[in-house]
């Protein structure tokens, strides 16, 4: 898998479909009905520039995928899982069209609510802080493993990860279990080697 957002890296992963969105690339699994990973660039100059609201945005199926590969927002209803973004809305809140793409189900995987709203939110905030500091960072967000399935045979990831590539060549990565139990933990507890 190659992405224009990480041109010097060849990512060793099998993708059933590769989706090129306006500001991120998706390696998608038809079997899992979720992305395996997304790759994107964060422009620090655009963080918090416009802060467009996400209130009117709705999760939608990605019709660029064959019907047999698609997941739907209703697949997550009453499952105990949030619709977790891999390419987060908060780094693209300067452009409504890009925000809408982050709400496509091809960018979503089941995430435990307390992970999504607490620890993962801290990690995403850390990404924005790094972007403000370095002005241009590249990110891979992905999922791995399986805890079973929700409706429509959508895979529940066992872990979520985020890899941050700084312009100075340094890399910061996190590997986090998909669990509510991590909600009060500090992000540094989940620092990981690639």
C-alpha atoms as a PDB file:
ATOM      1  CA  UNK A   1       0.000   0.000   0.000  1.00  0.00           C
ATOM      2  CA  UNK A   2       1.433   3.333  -1.076  1.00  0.00           C
ATOM      3  CA  UNK A   3       0.034   6.720  -0.125  1.00  0.00           C
ATOM      4  CA  UNK A   4       0.931  10.113  -1.516  1.00  0.00           C
ATOM      5  CA  UNK A   5       0.830  11.339   2.097  1.00  0.00           C
ATOM      6  CA  UNK A   6       3.799   9.079   2.965  1.00  0.00           C
ATOM      7  CA  UNK A   7       5.621   8.873  -0.371  1.00  0.00           C
ATOM      8  CA  UNK A   8       8.845   7.414   1.043  1.00  0.00           C
ATOM      9  CA  UNK A   9       7.153   4.492   2.770  1.00  0.00           C
ATOM     10  CA  UNK A  10       5.905   1.227   1.349  1.00  0.00           C
ATOM     11  CA  UNK A  11       3.339  -0.065   3.844  1.00  0.00           C
ATOM     12  CA  UNK A  12       3.271  -3.864   3.936  1.00  0.00           C
ATOM     13  CA  UNK A  13      -0.462  -4.587   4.187  1.00  0.00           C
ATOM     14  CA  UNK A  14      -3.072  -6.248   1.985  1.00  0.00           C
ATOM     15  CA  UNK A  15      -5.995  -4.006   1.002  1.00  0.00           C
ATOM     16  CA  UNK A  16      -9.142  -5.253  -0.707  1.00  0.00           C
ATOM     17  CA  UNK A  17      -9.839  -1.700  -1.849  1.00  0.00           C
ATOM     18  CA  UNK A  18      -7.746   1.462  -1.827  1.00  0.00           C
ATOM     19  CA  UNK A  19      -9.785   4.637  -1.583  1.00  0.00           C
ATOM     20  CA  UNK A  20      -8.227   8.022  -2.309  1.00  0.00           C
ATOM     21  CA  UNK A  21     -10.171  10.778  -0.578  1.00  0.00           C
ATOM     22  CA  UNK A  22      -9.440  14.516  -0.774  1.00  0.00           C
ATOM     23  CA  UNK A  23      -6.994  14.490   2.150  1.00  0.00           C
ATOM     24  CA  UNK A  24      -6.525  10.860   3.173  1.00  0.00           C
ATOM     25  CA  UNK A  25      -6.008   7.394   1.706  1.00  0.00           C
ATOM     26  CA  UNK A  26      -7.840   4.320   2.986  1.00  0.00           C
ATOM     27  CA  UNK A  27      -6.720   0.691   2.958  1.00  0.00           C
ATOM     28  CA  UNK A  28     -10.098  -1.065   3.241  1.00  0.00           C
ATOM     29  CA  UNK A  29     -11.016  -4.637   4.111  1.00  0.00           C
ATOM     30  CA  UNK A  30     -14.163  -6.065   2.525  1.00  0.00           C
ATOM     31  CA  UNK A  31     -13.996  -9.014   4.917  1.00  0.00           C
ATOM     32  CA  UNK A  32     -13.910  -6.734   7.988  1.00  0.00           C
ATOM     33  CA  UNK A  33     -16.169  -4.054   6.445  1.00  0.00           C
ATOM     34  CA  UNK A  34     -13.867  -1.483   8.039  1.00  0.00           C
ATOM     35  CA  UNK A  35     -10.658   0.254   7.048  1.00  0.00           C
ATOM     36  CA  UNK A  36      -7.450  -1.474   8.055  1.00  0.00           C
ATOM     37  CA  UNK A  37      -5.683   1.863   8.104  1.00  0.00           C
ATOM     38  CA  UNK A  38      -5.805   5.407   6.813  1.00  0.00           C
ATOM     39  CA  UNK A  39      -2.911   7.724   5.968  1.00  0.00           C
ATOM     40  CA  UNK A  40      -3.188  11.492   6.079  1.00  0.00           C
ATOM     41  CA  UNK A  41      -1.253  14.739   6.348  1.00  0.00           C
ATOM     42  CA  UNK A  42      -2.008  17.290   9.050  1.00  0.00           C
ATOM     43  CA  UNK A  43      -1.319  20.926   8.186  1.00  0.00           C
ATOM     44  CA  UNK A  44      -0.594  22.715  11.451  1.00  0.00           C
ATOM     45  CA  UNK A  45      -1.503  26.069   9.911  1.00  0.00           C
ATOM     46  CA  UNK A  46      -5.100  24.881   9.471  1.00  0.00           C
ATOM     47  CA  UNK A  47      -5.640  23.445  12.968  1.00  0.00           C
ATOM     48  CA  UNK A  48      -8.333  25.476  14.741  1.00  0.00           C
ATOM     49  CA  UNK A  49      -8.435  27.982  11.877  1.00  0.00           C
ATOM     50  CA  UNK A  50     -12.157  27.703  11.146  1.00  0.00           C
ATOM     51  CA  UNK A  51     -13.520  25.088  13.586  1.00  0.00           C
ATOM     52  CA  UNK A  52     -16.508  24.171  11.434  1.00  0.00           C
ATOM     53  CA  UNK A  53     -19.168  22.411  13.482  1.00  0.00           C
ATOM     54  CA  UNK A  54     -19.798  18.715  12.997  1.00  0.00           C
ATOM     55  CA  UNK A  55     -23.392  18.885  14.266  1.00  0.00           C
ATOM     56  CA  UNK A  56     -25.085  18.586  10.888  1.00  0.00           C
ATOM     57  CA  UNK A  57     -22.797  15.795   9.652  1.00  0.00           C
ATOM     58  CA  UNK A  58     -24.180  12.269   9.426  1.00  0.00           C
ATOM     59  CA  UNK A  59     -22.468   8.923   8.967  1.00  0.00           C
ATOM     60  CA  UNK A  60     -23.061   7.664   5.421  1.00  0.00           C
ATOM     61  CA  UNK A  61     -22.168   4.534   3.473  1.00  0.00           C
ATOM     62  CA  UNK A  62     -19.351   4.876   0.961  1.00  0.00           C
ATOM     63  CA  UNK A  63     -20.849   4.119  -2.439  1.00  0.00           C
ATOM     64  CA  UNK A  64     -17.343   3.842  -3.904  1.00  0.00           C
ATOM     65  CA  UNK A  65     -17.310   0.383  -2.324  1.00  0.00           C
ATOM     66  CA  UNK A  66     -19.204  -2.624  -3.714  1.00  0.00           C
ATOM     67  CA  UNK A  67     -22.427  -3.312  -1.781  1.00  0.00           C
ATOM     68  CA  UNK A  68     -21.018  -6.543  -0.293  1.00  0.00           C
ATOM     69  CA  UNK A  69     -18.137  -4.552   1.281  1.00  0.00           C
ATOM     70  CA  UNK A  70     -20.119  -1.691   2.785  1.00  0.00           C
ATOM     71  CA  UNK A  71     -20.976  -1.054   6.385  1.00  0.00           C
ATOM     72  CA  UNK A  72     -23.815   1.201   7.458  1.00  0.00           C
ATOM     73  CA  UNK A  73     -24.379   3.491  10.404  1.00  0.00           C
ATOM     74  CA  UNK A  74     -27.283   1.292  11.563  1.00  0.00           C
ATOM     75  CA  UNK A  75     -24.841  -1.643  11.951  1.00  0.00           C
ATOM     76  CA  UNK A  76     -23.542   0.127  15.085  1.00  0.00           C
ATOM     77  CA  UNK A  77     -26.919   0.886  16.697  1.00  0.00           C
ATOM     78  CA  UNK A  78     -27.359  -0.660  20.141  1.00  0.00           C
ATOM     79  CA  UNK A  79     -24.070  -2.587  19.930  1.00  0.00           C
ATOM     80  CA  UNK A  80     -22.173  -0.810  22.716  1.00  0.00           C
ATOM     81  CA  UNK A  81     -19.641   0.574  20.212  1.00  0.00           C
ATOM     82  CA  UNK A  82     -19.059   4.074  18.895  1.00  0.00           C
ATOM     83  CA  UNK A  83     -18.437   4.811  15.249  1.00  0.00           C
ATOM     84  CA  UNK A  84     -14.708   5.509  15.580  1.00  0.00           C
ATOM     85  CA  UNK A  85     -13.028   7.722  12.977  1.00  0.00           C
ATOM     86  CA  UNK A  86      -9.637   6.674  11.648  1.00  0.00           C
ATOM     87  CA  UNK A  87      -9.089  10.013   9.846  1.00  0.00           C
ATOM     88  CA  UNK A  88     -10.456  12.341  12.552  1.00  0.00           C
ATOM     89  CA  UNK A  89     -12.885  15.112  11.792  1.00  0.00           C
ATOM     90  CA  UNK A  90     -11.064  17.553  14.127  1.00  0.00           C
ATOM     91  CA  UNK A  91      -7.958  17.879  11.912  1.00  0.00           C
ATOM     92  CA  UNK A  92     -10.095  18.642   8.851  1.00  0.00           C
ATOM     93  CA  UNK A  93     -12.633  21.014  10.377  1.00  0.00           C
ATOM     94  CA  UNK A  94     -11.490  23.788   8.031  1.00  0.00           C
ATOM     95  CA  UNK A  95     -13.341  22.336   5.002  1.00  0.00           C
ATOM     96  CA  UNK A  96     -16.935  21.023   4.917  1.00  0.00           C
ATOM     97  CA  UNK A  97     -16.329  18.667   1.964  1.00  0.00           C
ATOM     98  CA  UNK A  98     -13.416  16.986   3.724  1.00  0.00           C
ATOM     99  CA  UNK A  99     -15.395  16.774   6.961  1.00  0.00           C
ATOM    100  CA  UNK A 100     -18.135  14.908   5.085  1.00  0.00           C
ATOM    101  CA  UNK A 101     -15.571  12.404   3.808  1.00  0.00           C
ATOM    102  CA  UNK A 102     -14.426  11.684   7.368  1.00  0.00           C
ATOM    103  CA  UNK A 103     -18.033  10.658   8.115  1.00  0.00           C
ATOM    104  CA  UNK A 104     -18.105   8.026   5.361  1.00  0.00           C
ATOM    105  CA  UNK A 105     -18.368   4.540   6.845  1.00  0.00           C
ATOM    106  CA  UNK A 106     -15.206   3.562   4.921  1.00  0.00           C
ATOM    107  CA  UNK A 107     -13.365   5.663   7.554  1.00  0.00           C
ATOM    108  CA  UNK A 108     -15.117   4.115  10.562  1.00  0.00           C
ATOM    109  CA  UNK A 109     -14.552   1.084  12.823  1.00  0.00           C
ATOM    110  CA  UNK A 110     -16.181  -0.056  16.095  1.00  0.00           C
ATOM    111  CA  UNK A 111     -14.551   1.623  19.079  1.00  0.00           C
ATOM    112  CA  UNK A 112     -15.480   1.267  22.740  1.00  0.00           C
ATOM    113  CA  UNK A 113     -17.142   4.519  23.912  1.00  0.00           C
ATOM    114  CA  UNK A 114     -14.794   5.281  26.809  1.00  0.00           C
ATOM    115  CA  UNK A 115     -11.774   4.699  24.591  1.00  0.00           C
ATOM    116  CA  UNK A 116     -13.212   6.883  21.826  1.00  0.00           C
ATOM    117  CA  UNK A 117     -14.304   9.767  24.028  1.00  0.00           C
ATOM    118  CA  UNK A 118     -11.404   9.831  26.471  1.00  0.00           C
ATOM    119  CA  UNK A 119      -8.038   8.186  25.792  1.00  0.00           C
ATOM    120  CA  UNK A 120      -8.316   8.217  21.987  1.00  0.00           C
ATOM    121  CA  UNK A 121      -9.477  11.842  22.126  1.00  0.00           C
ATOM    122  CA  UNK A 122      -6.284  12.651  24.098  1.00  0.00           C
ATOM    123  CA  UNK A 123      -4.153  10.918  21.453  1.00  0.00           C
ATOM    124  CA  UNK A 124      -5.908  12.841  18.683  1.00  0.00           C
ATOM    125  CA  UNK A 125      -5.364  16.083  20.615  1.00  0.00           C
ATOM    126  CA  UNK A 126      -1.653  15.169  20.867  1.00  0.00           C
ATOM    127  CA  UNK A 127      -1.593  14.851  17.054  1.00  0.00           C
ATOM    128  CA  UNK A 128      -3.022  18.377  16.703  1.00  0.00           C
ATOM    129  CA  UNK A 129      -0.445  19.721  19.185  1.00  0.00           C
ATOM    130  CA  UNK A 130       2.358  18.109  17.168  1.00  0.00           C
ATOM    131  CA  UNK A 131       0.905  19.569  13.964  1.00  0.00           C
ATOM    132  CA  UNK A 132       0.865  23.073  15.439  1.00  0.00           C
ATOM    133  CA  UNK A 133       4.479  22.621  16.560  1.00  0.00           C
ATOM    134  CA  UNK A 134       5.933  21.064  13.386  1.00  0.00           C
ATOM    135  CA  UNK A 135       3.459  22.538  10.829  1.00  0.00           C
ATOM    136  CA  UNK A 136       3.439  19.370   8.701  1.00  0.00           C
ATOM    137  CA  UNK A 137       3.087  15.879  10.092  1.00  0.00           C
ATOM    138  CA  UNK A 138       1.967  12.604   8.534  1.00  0.00           C
ATOM    139  CA  UNK A 139      -0.194  10.066  10.337  1.00  0.00           C
ATOM    140  CA  UNK A 140      -1.225   6.438   9.977  1.00  0.00           C
ATOM    141  CA  UNK A 141      -4.230   5.350  12.034  1.00  0.00           C
ATOM    142  CA  UNK A 142      -5.193   1.710  11.952  1.00  0.00           C
ATOM    143  CA  UNK A 143      -6.920  -1.202  13.589  1.00  0.00           C
ATOM    144  CA  UNK A 144      -5.791  -4.778  14.117  1.00  0.00           C
ATOM    145  CA  UNK A 145      -7.054  -8.071  15.445  1.00  0.00           C
ATOM    146  CA  UNK A 146     -10.615  -9.111  16.199  1.00  0.00           C
ATOM    147  CA  UNK A 147     -12.901  -9.237  19.225  1.00  0.00           C
ATOM    148  CA  UNK A 148     -15.755 -10.631  17.151  1.00  0.00           C
ATOM    149  CA  UNK A 149     -18.369  -8.830  15.087  1.00  0.00           C
ATOM    150  CA  UNK A 150     -21.283  -6.445  15.363  1.00  0.00           C
ATOM    151  CA  UNK A 151     -24.240  -6.372  12.958  1.00  0.00           C
ATOM    152  CA  UNK A 152     -23.645  -6.987   9.231  1.00  0.00           C
ATOM    153  CA  UNK A 153     -20.486  -8.936  10.145  1.00  0.00           C
ATOM    154  CA  UNK A 154     -18.510  -5.722  10.851  1.00  0.00           C
ATOM    155  CA  UNK A 155     -15.243  -6.626  12.611  1.00  0.00           C
ATOM    156  CA  UNK A 156     -14.607  -5.308  16.121  1.00  0.00           C
ATOM    157  CA  UNK A 157     -10.898  -4.398  16.257  1.00  0.00           C
ATOM    158  CA  UNK A 158      -8.884  -5.760  19.158  1.00  0.00           C
ATOM    159  CA  UNK A 159      -6.545  -2.754  19.077  1.00  0.00           C
ATOM    160  CA  UNK A 160      -6.273   0.722  17.590  1.00  0.00           C
ATOM    161  CA  UNK A 161      -2.956   2.321  16.666  1.00  0.00           C
ATOM    162  CA  UNK A 162      -1.668   5.697  15.571  1.00  0.00           C
ATOM    163  CA  UNK A 163       1.768   6.433  14.103  1.00  0.00           C
ATOM    164  CA  UNK A 164       2.900  10.056  13.851  1.00  0.00           C
ATOM    165  CA  UNK A 165       5.726  10.940  11.454  1.00  0.00           C
ATOM    166  CA  UNK A 166       7.420  14.234  12.303  1.00  0.00           C
ATOM    167  CA  UNK A 167       9.369  16.214   9.678  1.00  0.00           C
ATOM    168  CA  UNK A 168      12.597  15.737  11.671  1.00  0.00           C
ATOM    169  CA  UNK A 169      12.379  11.985  10.988  1.00  0.00           C
ATOM    170  CA  UNK A 170      11.225  11.050  14.479  1.00  0.00           C
ATOM    171  CA  UNK A 171       8.195   8.801  14.927  1.00  0.00           C
ATOM    172  CA  UNK A 172       5.737   8.513  17.823  1.00  0.00           C
ATOM    173  CA  UNK A 173       3.354   5.574  17.928  1.00  0.00           C
ATOM    174  CA  UNK A 174       0.554   4.347  20.170  1.00  0.00           C
ATOM    175  CA  UNK A 175      -1.036   0.893  20.402  1.00  0.00           C
ATOM    176  CA  UNK A 176      -4.228   0.805  22.481  1.00  0.00           C
ATOM    177  CA  UNK A 177      -6.629  -2.024  23.377  1.00  0.00           C
ATOM    178  CA  UNK A 178     -10.228  -1.477  22.250  1.00  0.00           C
ATOM    179  CA  UNK A 179     -11.567  -1.378  25.793  1.00  0.00           C
ATOM    180  CA  UNK A 180     -13.515   0.920  28.109  1.00  0.00           C
ATOM    181  CA  UNK A 181     -11.019   0.050  30.871  1.00  0.00           C
ATOM    182  CA  UNK A 182      -8.364   2.383  29.364  1.00  0.00           C
ATOM    183  CA  UNK A 183     -10.495   5.517  29.702  1.00  0.00           C
ATOM    184  CA  UNK A 184      -8.587   7.053  32.633  1.00  0.00           C
ATOM    185  CA  UNK A 185      -5.126   5.959  31.517  1.00  0.00           C
ATOM    186  CA  UNK A 186      -2.497   8.380  30.310  1.00  0.00           C
ATOM    187  CA  UNK A 187      -1.644   8.169  26.610  1.00  0.00           C
ATOM    188  CA  UNK A 188       2.078   7.653  27.328  1.00  0.00           C
ATOM    189  CA  UNK A 189       1.242   4.261  28.853  1.00  0.00           C
ATOM    190  CA  UNK A 190       0.466   3.086  25.297  1.00  0.00           C
ATOM    191  CA  UNK A 191       3.545   4.439  23.546  1.00  0.00           C
ATOM    192  CA  UNK A 192       4.826   1.693  21.291  1.00  0.00           C
ATOM    193  CA  UNK A 193       7.555   0.809  18.839  1.00  0.00           C
ATOM    194  CA  UNK A 194       6.481   0.406  15.232  1.00  0.00           C
END
